[in-house]
Amino acid sequence: RTAQTGVQMAAMTLLETRGLTKTFDGIKANTNVDFKLETGQIMALIGPNGAGKSTFVGMLCGRIEATSGQVFFNGTDISALPAHKRIALGMAYTFQITSVFANLSVRENVALAVRRLKGKSERAVQSKVDATLERINLADRAEQIAGDLSYGHQRVLEIAMGLAQDPKLFILDEPTQGLAEAEISEFIALIKSLGGNTTILLIEHNMDVVMRTAEQITVLDFGEIIASGTPEEVRENSAVKSAYLGTTNAER
């Protein structure tokens, strides 16, 4: 019975790192990072500039080779896999800069993303596109040229392109950067609607977004995890206050 429970518990962890370390010319960007993300969870990764967030995410995605340590995805050691093979396993990643195809319509952008999933007929592709656009409130802009969208809607389109691939893990890198306040509120509502069905790792500087969106928060500083827990626990953590939040933000 104990063994069975252990298996069930292990299956709940979608992403895990053990001792993940990256050294650039003798300087450690990340040191022995042990990290866990549970299936269906919305996790925020925060920390000051230079804390090692981008390097850490790069190692998760396979764009940066780790100096030492391991990355596990869905119970499998993927440490040696290149980025495209990690994508094939179910990782989707949005960059800080929008990466939509500006000359194509909204529908065509999402269709391109869906076609990366092998074995789908064209009818199945279009059905998936329709469902995805409906899900994130872009259906009324389906025929609009992506380059003509506002910056905020381009960010939403980028999320649609990721979601359309039915990722097991969706990594969002600074998704609210450059968004207006109204767009940020819409984004928060969108991400919260995805929780439970999609596992999300959110790299975000906007602390209001983090506190309103994330179920769990992991804090990096100088390449190491200094705290992890619920938004309330992290907000009250003295190490986080001094390293990152500052008294003013922490008491908001």
Protein backbone atom coordinates (compact mmCIF):
# COMPACT_ATOMS: atom_id res chain seq x y z
CA ARG A 1 0.00 0.00 0.00
CA THR A 2 2.81 2.40 0.86
CA ALA A 3 4.55 1.71 -2.43
CA GLN A 4 1.34 2.35 -4.33
CA THR A 5 0.81 5.65 -2.54
CA GLY A 6 4.36 6.61 -3.38
CA VAL A 7 3.75 5.94 -7.06
CA GLN A 8 0.59 8.05 -7.00
CA MET A 9 2.39 10.91 -5.30
CA ALA A 10 5.29 10.74 -7.75
CA ALA A 11 2.88 10.85 -10.69
CA MET A 12 1.56 14.19 -9.42
CA THR A 13 4.93 15.87 -10.00
CA LEU A 14 5.12 17.00 -13.62
CA LEU A 15 8.45 18.84 -13.55
CA GLU A 16 11.36 18.36 -11.18
CA THR A 17 14.99 19.45 -11.05
CA ARG A 18 17.66 17.96 -8.81
CA GLY A 19 20.88 19.82 -8.13
CA LEU A 20 20.52 21.84 -11.33
CA THR A 21 23.63 23.98 -11.73
CA LYS A 22 24.97 26.21 -14.50
CA THR A 23 28.40 27.79 -14.50
CA PHE A 24 29.53 30.39 -17.06
CA ASP A 25 33.32 30.84 -17.07
CA GLY A 26 33.56 29.94 -13.40
CA ILE A 27 30.60 32.11 -12.37
CA LYS A 28 27.57 30.19 -11.10
CA ALA A 29 24.29 31.37 -12.61
CA ASN A 30 22.36 28.63 -10.81
CA THR A 31 23.52 26.47 -7.91
CA ASN A 32 22.01 23.12 -6.88
CA VAL A 33 18.42 24.08 -7.68
CA ASP A 34 15.91 21.50 -6.42
CA PHE A 35 12.52 22.41 -7.82
CA LYS A 36 9.12 20.72 -8.14
CA LEU A 37 6.01 21.66 -10.07
CA GLU A 38 2.83 19.66 -9.54
CA THR A 39 0.43 18.72 -12.33
CA GLY A 40 -2.32 21.32 -12.84
CA GLN A 41 -0.59 23.94 -10.69
CA ILE A 42 0.05 27.60 -11.51
CA MET A 43 3.56 28.33 -10.24
CA ALA A 44 5.28 31.73 -10.43
CA LEU A 45 9.07 32.02 -10.57
CA ILE A 46 10.23 35.40 -9.28
CA GLY A 47 13.45 37.11 -8.25
CA PRO A 48 15.50 40.26 -8.83
CA ASN A 49 17.21 40.92 -12.17
CA GLY A 50 20.24 38.67 -12.44
CA ALA A 51 18.76 36.11 -10.04
CA GLY A 52 19.22 33.32 -12.60
CA LYS A 53 15.59 32.94 -13.74
CA SER A 54 16.33 32.99 -17.49
CA THR A 55 19.20 30.52 -17.14
CA PHE A 56 17.07 28.19 -15.06
CA VAL A 57 14.20 28.26 -17.55
CA GLY A 58 16.68 27.80 -20.40
CA MET A 59 17.88 24.59 -18.75
CA LEU A 60 14.29 23.42 -18.27
CA CYS A 61 13.53 23.96 -21.97
CA GLY A 62 16.80 22.50 -23.23
CA ARG A 63 18.05 25.74 -24.76
CA ILE A 64 20.87 25.92 -22.20
CA GLU A 65 22.92 22.87 -21.27
CA ALA A 66 23.23 22.34 -17.53
CA THR A 67 26.71 22.06 -16.01
CA SER A 68 25.38 19.46 -13.59
CA GLY A 69 22.10 18.20 -12.17
CA GLN A 70 19.01 16.65 -13.71
CA VAL A 71 15.65 17.67 -15.17
CA PHE A 72 12.70 15.26 -14.91
CA PHE A 73 9.49 15.69 -16.90
CA ASN A 74 6.50 13.45 -16.25
CA GLY A 75 8.78 11.05 -14.37
CA THR A 76 11.39 10.79 -17.15
CA ASP A 77 14.95 12.12 -17.00
CA ILE A 78 15.11 14.56 -19.94
CA SER A 79 18.45 16.14 -19.00
CA ALA A 80 20.12 15.04 -22.24
CA LEU A 81 17.23 15.88 -24.58
CA PRO A 82 17.45 18.87 -26.97
CA ALA A 83 14.78 21.58 -26.91
CA HIS A 84 12.69 20.25 -29.82
CA LYS A 85 12.36 16.83 -28.19
CA ARG A 86 11.21 18.44 -24.94
CA ILE A 87 8.58 20.35 -26.93
CA ALA A 88 7.45 17.05 -28.45
CA LEU A 89 6.98 15.65 -24.93
CA GLY A 90 4.58 18.46 -24.07
CA MET A 91 6.52 21.60 -23.09
CA ALA A 92 5.39 24.91 -24.59
CA TYR A 93 7.32 28.12 -24.03
CA THR A 94 6.45 31.74 -24.86
CA PHE A 95 9.27 34.24 -25.15
CA GLN A 96 9.45 37.73 -23.69
CA ILE A 97 9.11 39.14 -27.21
CA THR A 98 6.02 38.21 -29.20
CA SER A 99 6.80 35.55 -31.77
CA VAL A 100 3.65 35.60 -33.90
CA PHE A 101 3.80 35.56 -37.70
CA ALA A 102 2.87 39.18 -38.40
CA ASN A 103 1.80 38.69 -42.04
CA LEU A 104 -0.57 35.79 -41.32
CA SER A 105 -4.08 35.94 -39.90
CA VAL A 106 -4.83 35.05 -36.29
CA ARG A 107 -6.42 31.78 -37.49
CA GLU A 108 -3.38 30.86 -39.62
CA ASN A 109 -1.00 31.53 -36.71
CA VAL A 110 -2.87 29.14 -34.44
CA ALA A 111 -3.26 26.58 -37.26
CA LEU A 112 0.51 26.54 -37.74
CA ALA A 113 0.94 25.74 -34.07
CA VAL A 114 -1.66 22.94 -34.21
CA ARG A 115 -0.03 21.38 -37.28
CA ARG A 116 3.08 20.74 -35.19
CA LEU A 117 1.02 17.97 -33.63
CA LYS A 118 1.50 15.10 -36.04
CA GLY A 119 -1.40 12.98 -37.27
CA LYS A 120 -4.11 15.65 -37.25
CA SER A 121 -6.35 15.94 -40.33
CA GLU A 122 -7.02 19.44 -41.68
CA ARG A 123 -10.57 19.25 -40.33
CA ALA A 124 -9.21 18.36 -36.88
CA VAL A 125 -6.71 21.24 -37.15
CA GLN A 126 -9.45 23.79 -37.91
CA SER A 127 -11.67 22.39 -35.17
CA LYS A 128 -8.84 22.79 -32.66
CA VAL A 129 -8.15 26.32 -33.91
CA ASP A 130 -11.81 27.29 -33.46
CA ALA A 131 -11.93 25.81 -29.95
CA THR A 132 -8.70 27.57 -28.91
CA LEU A 133 -9.74 30.98 -30.26
CA GLU A 134 -13.08 30.63 -28.50
CA ARG A 135 -11.38 29.66 -25.25
CA ILE A 136 -9.24 32.79 -25.12
CA ASN A 137 -11.75 35.23 -26.62
CA LEU A 138 -10.04 35.79 -29.97
CA ALA A 139 -12.72 34.16 -32.14
CA ASP A 140 -14.00 37.54 -33.36
CA ARG A 141 -10.48 38.40 -34.58
CA ALA A 142 -9.80 35.10 -36.36
CA GLU A 143 -9.40 36.65 -39.83
CA GLN A 144 -7.46 39.71 -38.66
CA ILE A 145 -3.81 39.98 -39.69
CA ALA A 146 -1.70 39.30 -36.60
CA GLY A 147 0.60 42.26 -37.22
CA ASP A 148 -2.41 44.60 -37.05
CA LEU A 149 -3.37 43.43 -33.55
CA SER A 150 -2.57 45.55 -30.52
CA TYR A 151 0.51 44.47 -28.58
CA GLY A 152 -1.72 43.00 -25.88
CA HIS A 153 -3.73 40.93 -28.32
CA GLN A 154 -0.50 39.69 -29.93
CA ARG A 155 0.56 38.40 -26.51
CA VAL A 156 -2.79 36.65 -26.14
CA LEU A 157 -2.38 35.16 -29.63
CA GLU A 158 1.02 33.84 -28.61
CA ILE A 159 -0.61 32.14 -25.62
CA ALA A 160 -3.23 30.69 -27.98
CA MET A 161 -0.48 29.24 -30.16
CA GLY A 162 1.00 27.54 -27.11
CA LEU A 163 -2.33 26.28 -25.77
CA ALA A 164 -3.36 24.90 -29.17
CA GLN A 165 -0.61 22.31 -28.84
CA ASP A 166 -2.23 20.90 -25.67
CA PRO A 167 0.98 21.26 -23.64
CA LYS A 168 1.46 19.34 -20.43
CA LEU A 169 3.53 22.31 -19.24
CA PHE A 170 3.12 25.90 -20.39
CA ILE A 171 6.01 28.26 -19.56
CA LEU A 172 5.12 31.95 -19.82
CA ASP A 173 8.09 34.32 -19.79
CA GLU A 174 7.19 37.89 -18.74
CA PRO A 175 3.77 37.65 -20.44
CA THR A 176 2.44 40.98 -19.10
CA GLN A 177 5.47 43.04 -20.14
CA GLY A 178 4.24 46.02 -22.14
CA LEU A 179 0.55 45.38 -21.45
CA ALA A 180 -1.89 48.11 -20.40
CA GLU A 181 -3.70 47.77 -17.06
CA ALA A 182 -6.96 46.58 -18.65
CA GLU A 183 -5.04 43.99 -20.68
CA ILE A 184 -3.28 42.76 -17.54
CA SER A 185 -6.63 42.19 -15.81
CA GLU A 186 -7.83 40.19 -18.84
CA PHE A 187 -4.59 38.20 -18.78
CA ILE A 188 -5.00 37.33 -15.10
CA ALA A 189 -8.55 36.11 -15.73
CA LEU A 190 -7.33 34.03 -18.69
CA ILE A 191 -4.51 32.34 -16.75
CA LYS A 192 -6.76 31.59 -13.77
CA SER A 193 -9.27 29.97 -16.13
CA LEU A 194 -6.53 27.60 -17.33
CA GLY A 195 -5.52 26.43 -13.85
CA GLY A 196 -6.17 22.77 -13.11
CA ASN A 197 -6.31 21.82 -16.79
CA THR A 198 -2.93 23.24 -17.80
CA THR A 199 0.22 23.26 -15.66
CA ILE A 200 1.73 26.75 -15.83
CA LEU A 201 5.13 28.13 -14.90
CA LEU A 202 4.94 31.93 -14.90
CA ILE A 203 8.11 34.05 -14.94
CA GLU A 204 6.88 37.49 -14.00
CA HIS A 205 8.13 40.80 -12.52
CA ASN A 206 4.70 42.31 -11.88
CA MET A 207 4.07 41.32 -8.28
CA ASP A 208 0.38 42.17 -8.45
CA VAL A 209 0.01 39.64 -11.28
CA VAL A 210 2.01 37.06 -9.34
CA MET A 211 0.03 37.44 -6.13
CA ARG A 212 -3.33 37.34 -7.93
CA THR A 213 -2.50 34.47 -10.28
CA ALA A 214 -0.09 31.97 -8.73
CA GLU A 215 -1.01 29.15 -6.36
CA GLN A 216 2.65 28.60 -5.47
CA ILE A 217 5.69 30.88 -5.78
CA THR A 218 9.37 30.00 -6.01
CA VAL A 219 11.88 32.79 -5.36
CA LEU A 220 15.37 32.79 -6.86
CA ASP A 221 18.20 35.04 -5.68
CA PHE A 222 21.83 34.78 -6.77
CA GLY A 223 20.97 31.58 -8.63
CA GLU A 224 19.54 29.74 -5.61
CA ILE A 225 16.03 29.15 -4.28
CA ILE A 226 15.60 31.27 -1.16
CA ALA A 227 11.89 30.59 -0.61
CA SER A 228 8.91 28.70 -1.95
CA GLY A 229 5.31 28.47 -0.85
CA THR A 230 1.91 30.10 -1.23
CA PRO A 231 1.67 33.83 -2.09
CA GLU A 232 0.89 34.56 1.58
CA GLU A 233 3.90 32.58 2.82
CA VAL A 234 6.24 34.22 0.32
CA ARG A 235 4.89 37.70 1.05
CA GLU A 236 5.72 37.23 4.76
CA ASN A 237 9.11 35.60 4.22
CA SER A 238 11.84 37.86 5.67
CA ALA A 239 14.50 36.65 3.20
CA VAL A 240 12.22 37.49 0.29
CA LYS A 241 11.39 40.90 1.73
CA SER A 242 15.02 41.88 1.99
CA ALA A 243 16.11 40.34 -1.33
CA TYR A 244 13.26 41.30 -3.54
CA LEU A 245 9.88 42.54 -2.38
CA GLY A 246 11.02 45.33 -0.11
CA THR A 247 8.95 46.33 2.87
CA THR A 248 6.60 48.55 0.84
CA ASN A 249 5.58 45.88 -1.64
CA ALA A 250 5.43 43.19 1.03
CA GLU A 251 2.97 45.19 3.09
CA ARG A 252 0.66 46.04 0.19
